[in-house]
Amino acid sequence: MRFLFVVTSNPFAKDYSTIVGLAKSLVKHGEIVMFFSGNGAYYTIRPETRELKDMGIKLLYCAHSAYQRGIEKPLDFFESSSTYNLSKIMQDCERVLSFN
């Protein structure tokens, strides 16, 4: 099964521990892709997000959201993307979870 997490909440919200906990459970059942947009773009500069990458999760972020927030250099394990790409990924996922 393929899961998509769409994260628009900032990394200082209580969602982070929920995201990590769900990811640990779901990664055993299939592939996980996480897309960070809006204030979620701030995850791209938080070193503790490496634990998500280490679980084998694909980490994407909206380049426009990062630009709007002045994020010039996201961590190297995040992949630049767009909301157009998000719409394509959604079509290929069986489950989509949103954190706002």
N, C-alpha and C. Protein backbone atom coordinates (compact mmCIF):
# COMPACT_ATOMS: atom_id res chain seq x y z
N MET A 1 0.84 -1.17 0.00
CA MET A 1 0.00 0.00 0.00
C MET A 1 0.90 1.25 0.00
N ARG A 2 0.43 2.29 -0.64
CA ARG A 2 1.19 3.55 -0.71
C ARG A 2 0.44 4.63 0.06
N PHE A 3 1.12 5.26 1.00
CA PHE A 3 0.55 6.29 1.85
C PHE A 3 1.15 7.64 1.50
N LEU A 4 0.34 8.68 1.57
CA LEU A 4 0.80 10.04 1.37
C LEU A 4 0.42 10.87 2.59
N PHE A 5 1.41 11.52 3.18
CA PHE A 5 1.17 12.47 4.26
C PHE A 5 1.34 13.86 3.66
N VAL A 6 0.33 14.71 3.77
CA VAL A 6 0.42 16.09 3.33
C VAL A 6 0.50 16.94 4.60
N VAL A 7 1.63 17.60 4.79
CA VAL A 7 1.88 18.33 6.03
C VAL A 7 1.95 19.83 5.75
N THR A 8 0.99 20.57 6.30
CA THR A 8 0.98 22.02 6.15
C THR A 8 1.14 22.73 7.50
N SER A 9 1.16 21.96 8.58
CA SER A 9 1.35 22.57 9.90
C SER A 9 2.84 22.78 10.15
N ASN A 10 3.17 23.73 11.01
CA ASN A 10 4.58 24.00 11.27
C ASN A 10 5.18 22.92 12.16
N PRO A 11 6.49 22.72 12.12
CA PRO A 11 7.12 21.62 12.86
C PRO A 11 7.12 21.82 14.38
N PHE A 12 6.67 22.97 14.83
CA PHE A 12 6.62 23.22 16.27
C PHE A 12 5.27 22.82 16.85
N ALA A 13 4.35 22.41 15.98
CA ALA A 13 3.03 21.96 16.42
C ALA A 13 3.14 20.55 16.98
N LYS A 14 2.11 20.13 17.67
CA LYS A 14 2.11 18.79 18.27
C LYS A 14 2.03 17.69 17.23
N ASP A 15 1.79 18.05 15.96
CA ASP A 15 1.68 17.05 14.90
C ASP A 15 2.95 16.24 14.69
N TYR A 16 4.10 16.78 14.99
CA TYR A 16 5.35 16.08 14.68
C TYR A 16 5.40 14.70 15.32
N SER A 17 5.08 14.59 16.58
CA SER A 17 5.14 13.28 17.23
C SER A 17 4.08 12.34 16.66
N THR A 18 2.95 12.88 16.27
CA THR A 18 1.91 12.06 15.64
C THR A 18 2.38 11.55 14.28
N ILE A 19 3.02 12.42 13.51
CA ILE A 19 3.53 12.05 12.19
C ILE A 19 4.56 10.94 12.32
N VAL A 20 5.49 11.10 13.23
CA VAL A 20 6.55 10.09 13.42
C VAL A 20 5.94 8.76 13.89
N GLY A 21 5.03 8.82 14.83
CA GLY A 21 4.40 7.60 15.33
C GLY A 21 3.63 6.85 14.25
N LEU A 22 2.84 7.58 13.47
CA LEU A 22 2.10 6.94 12.37
C LEU A 22 3.05 6.37 11.32
N ALA A 23 4.08 7.13 11.01
CA ALA A 23 5.04 6.66 10.01
C ALA A 23 5.71 5.37 10.45
N LYS A 24 6.08 5.28 11.72
CA LYS A 24 6.72 4.05 12.23
C LYS A 24 5.79 2.85 12.09
N SER A 25 4.50 3.07 12.30
CA SER A 25 3.53 1.98 12.17
C SER A 25 3.25 1.63 10.72
N LEU A 26 3.08 2.64 9.88
CA LEU A 26 2.65 2.40 8.50
C LEU A 26 3.76 1.97 7.57
N VAL A 27 5.00 2.32 7.87
CA VAL A 27 6.11 1.96 6.98
C VAL A 27 6.23 0.44 6.86
N LYS A 28 5.73 -0.28 7.83
CA LYS A 28 5.75 -1.76 7.79
C LYS A 28 4.74 -2.30 6.77
N HIS A 29 3.79 -1.45 6.36
CA HIS A 29 2.71 -1.89 5.48
C HIS A 29 2.81 -1.35 4.06
N GLY A 30 3.87 -0.61 3.78
CA GLY A 30 4.02 -0.09 2.43
C GLY A 30 4.90 1.13 2.37
N GLU A 31 4.83 1.80 1.24
CA GLU A 31 5.65 2.98 0.98
C GLU A 31 4.97 4.24 1.52
N ILE A 32 5.77 5.16 2.05
CA ILE A 32 5.25 6.43 2.53
C ILE A 32 5.95 7.57 1.81
N VAL A 33 5.15 8.51 1.35
CA VAL A 33 5.65 9.75 0.77
C VAL A 33 5.10 10.87 1.63
N MET A 34 5.96 11.82 2.00
CA MET A 34 5.52 12.99 2.76
C MET A 34 5.76 14.22 1.92
N PHE A 35 4.73 15.07 1.86
CA PHE A 35 4.81 16.32 1.10
C PHE A 35 4.59 17.47 2.07
N PHE A 36 5.56 18.37 2.15
CA PHE A 36 5.51 19.50 3.08
C PHE A 36 5.23 20.78 2.30
N SER A 37 4.17 21.46 2.68
CA SER A 37 3.75 22.67 1.98
C SER A 37 3.29 23.71 3.00
N GLY A 38 3.14 24.96 2.56
CA GLY A 38 2.74 26.02 3.49
C GLY A 38 3.75 26.10 4.62
N ASN A 39 3.27 26.23 5.85
CA ASN A 39 4.18 26.28 7.00
C ASN A 39 4.90 24.95 7.22
N GLY A 40 4.42 23.89 6.61
CA GLY A 40 5.11 22.61 6.68
C GLY A 40 6.49 22.66 6.04
N ALA A 41 6.73 23.67 5.19
CA ALA A 41 8.05 23.82 4.56
C ALA A 41 9.15 24.02 5.60
N TYR A 42 8.78 24.49 6.77
CA TYR A 42 9.78 24.68 7.83
C TYR A 42 10.38 23.36 8.31
N TYR A 43 9.73 22.24 8.04
CA TYR A 43 10.30 20.93 8.37
C TYR A 43 11.62 20.72 7.64
N THR A 44 11.79 21.36 6.49
CA THR A 44 12.97 21.13 5.66
C THR A 44 14.26 21.68 6.27
N ILE A 45 14.15 22.42 7.36
CA ILE A 45 15.35 22.95 8.02
C ILE A 45 15.51 22.39 9.43
N ARG A 46 14.72 21.40 9.76
CA ARG A 46 14.78 20.78 11.09
C ARG A 46 15.57 19.47 11.03
N PRO A 47 16.75 19.41 11.65
CA PRO A 47 17.61 18.22 11.57
C PRO A 47 16.95 16.93 12.07
N GLU A 48 16.04 17.03 13.02
CA GLU A 48 15.42 15.81 13.56
C GLU A 48 14.56 15.09 12.53
N THR A 49 14.24 15.74 11.41
CA THR A 49 13.45 15.07 10.38
C THR A 49 14.25 13.98 9.67
N ARG A 50 15.54 13.91 9.90
CA ARG A 50 16.36 12.85 9.31
C ARG A 50 15.82 11.47 9.72
N GLU A 51 15.22 11.38 10.89
CA GLU A 51 14.68 10.09 11.33
C GLU A 51 13.61 9.59 10.36
N LEU A 52 12.88 10.50 9.73
CA LEU A 52 11.89 10.11 8.73
C LEU A 52 12.58 9.53 7.50
N LYS A 53 13.61 10.20 7.04
CA LYS A 53 14.38 9.71 5.89
C LYS A 53 15.01 8.35 6.20
N ASP A 54 15.51 8.20 7.42
CA ASP A 54 16.14 6.95 7.82
C ASP A 54 15.16 5.78 7.86
N MET A 55 13.86 6.09 7.93
CA MET A 55 12.82 5.04 7.88
C MET A 55 12.53 4.63 6.44
N GLY A 56 13.13 5.32 5.47
CA GLY A 56 12.90 5.01 4.07
C GLY A 56 11.76 5.82 3.46
N ILE A 57 11.37 6.88 4.11
CA ILE A 57 10.28 7.71 3.64
C ILE A 57 10.80 8.74 2.64
N LYS A 58 10.06 8.92 1.56
CA LYS A 58 10.42 9.93 0.56
C LYS A 58 9.88 11.27 1.06
N LEU A 59 10.77 12.28 1.15
CA LEU A 59 10.41 13.58 1.69
C LEU A 59 10.45 14.63 0.58
N LEU A 60 9.30 15.18 0.27
CA LEU A 60 9.17 16.21 -0.76
C LEU A 60 8.69 17.51 -0.14
N TYR A 61 9.05 18.62 -0.74
CA TYR A 61 8.52 19.90 -0.25
C TYR A 61 8.15 20.80 -1.41
N CYS A 62 7.21 21.69 -1.16
CA CYS A 62 6.79 22.66 -2.16
C CYS A 62 7.85 23.76 -2.22
N ALA A 63 8.53 23.86 -3.33
CA ALA A 63 9.59 24.85 -3.50
C ALA A 63 9.06 26.28 -3.36
N HIS A 64 7.85 26.51 -3.84
CA HIS A 64 7.27 27.85 -3.74
C HIS A 64 7.00 28.22 -2.27
N SER A 65 6.49 27.28 -1.50
CA SER A 65 6.25 27.53 -0.08
C SER A 65 7.56 27.84 0.65
N ALA A 66 8.60 27.10 0.32
CA ALA A 66 9.90 27.33 0.95
C ALA A 66 10.42 28.72 0.57
N TYR A 67 10.30 29.08 -0.67
CA TYR A 67 10.75 30.39 -1.14
C TYR A 67 9.99 31.51 -0.41
N GLN A 68 8.67 31.37 -0.28
CA GLN A 68 7.86 32.38 0.40
C GLN A 68 8.28 32.57 1.85
N ARG A 69 8.81 31.52 2.46
CA ARG A 69 9.19 31.58 3.87
C ARG A 69 10.68 31.87 4.06
N GLY A 70 11.36 32.17 2.99
CA GLY A 70 12.77 32.54 3.07
C GLY A 70 13.71 31.37 3.32
N ILE A 71 13.27 30.17 3.03
CA ILE A 71 14.11 28.99 3.21
C ILE A 71 14.96 28.83 1.96
N GLU A 72 16.23 29.14 2.10
CA GLU A 72 17.12 29.13 0.95
C GLU A 72 17.83 27.80 0.75
N LYS A 73 18.07 27.08 1.84
CA LYS A 73 18.82 25.84 1.73
C LYS A 73 18.18 24.74 2.60
N PRO A 74 17.21 24.03 2.03
CA PRO A 74 16.63 22.90 2.77
C PRO A 74 17.68 21.82 3.00
N LEU A 75 17.46 20.99 3.99
CA LEU A 75 18.36 19.87 4.25
C LEU A 75 18.45 18.99 3.00
N ASP A 76 19.60 18.39 2.78
CA ASP A 76 19.88 17.68 1.53
C ASP A 76 19.06 16.43 1.29
N PHE A 77 18.36 15.92 2.29
CA PHE A 77 17.57 14.71 2.08
C PHE A 77 16.12 15.01 1.69
N PHE A 78 15.77 16.29 1.55
CA PHE A 78 14.45 16.69 1.05
C PHE A 78 14.56 16.93 -0.45
N GLU A 79 13.50 16.59 -1.16
CA GLU A 79 13.47 16.77 -2.62
C GLU A 79 12.50 17.89 -2.98
N SER A 80 12.97 18.85 -3.76
CA SER A 80 12.14 19.95 -4.21
C SER A 80 11.02 19.43 -5.11
N SER A 81 9.82 19.99 -4.93
CA SER A 81 8.68 19.54 -5.70
C SER A 81 7.70 20.71 -5.87
N SER A 82 6.47 20.39 -6.26
CA SER A 82 5.45 21.41 -6.49
C SER A 82 4.07 20.84 -6.17
N THR A 83 3.09 21.73 -6.08
CA THR A 83 1.73 21.25 -5.83
C THR A 83 1.19 20.50 -7.05
N TYR A 84 1.69 20.83 -8.23
CA TYR A 84 1.32 20.05 -9.41
C TYR A 84 1.76 18.60 -9.24
N ASN A 85 3.00 18.41 -8.81
CA ASN A 85 3.51 17.06 -8.57
C ASN A 85 2.70 16.37 -7.48
N LEU A 86 2.30 17.12 -6.46
CA LEU A 86 1.46 16.55 -5.40
C LEU A 86 0.17 15.99 -5.98
N SER A 87 -0.44 16.70 -6.92
CA SER A 87 -1.69 16.20 -7.52
C SER A 87 -1.47 14.89 -8.26
N LYS A 88 -0.31 14.72 -8.86
CA LYS A 88 0.02 13.47 -9.55
C LYS A 88 0.26 12.34 -8.56
N ILE A 89 0.96 12.65 -7.46
CA ILE A 89 1.24 11.64 -6.44
C ILE A 89 -0.04 11.15 -5.79
N MET A 90 -0.97 12.06 -5.55
CA MET A 90 -2.24 11.69 -4.91
C MET A 90 -2.98 10.60 -5.68
N GLN A 91 -2.88 10.65 -6.98
CA GLN A 91 -3.56 9.67 -7.82
C GLN A 91 -3.00 8.26 -7.64
N ASP A 92 -1.75 8.18 -7.21
CA ASP A 92 -1.07 6.89 -7.07
C ASP A 92 -1.09 6.32 -5.65
N CYS A 93 -1.71 7.03 -4.72
CA CYS A 93 -1.71 6.60 -3.32
C CYS A 93 -3.08 6.07 -2.91
N GLU A 94 -3.04 5.00 -2.11
CA GLU A 94 -4.30 4.43 -1.62
C GLU A 94 -4.86 5.21 -0.43
N ARG A 95 -3.98 5.80 0.36
CA ARG A 95 -4.39 6.56 1.55
C ARG A 95 -3.67 7.89 1.60
N VAL A 96 -4.41 8.96 1.89
CA VAL A 96 -3.84 10.29 2.05
C VAL A 96 -4.23 10.81 3.42
N LEU A 97 -3.22 11.22 4.18
CA LEU A 97 -3.45 11.81 5.50
C LEU A 97 -2.98 13.25 5.45
N SER A 98 -3.77 14.15 6.03
CA SER A 98 -3.42 15.57 6.00
C SER A 98 -3.23 16.09 7.42
N PHE A 99 -2.16 16.83 7.61
CA PHE A 99 -1.85 17.44 8.91
C PHE A 99 -1.80 18.94 8.72
N ASN A 100 -2.79 19.62 9.29
CA ASN A 100 -2.88 21.06 9.11
C ASN A 100 -2.97 21.76 10.44
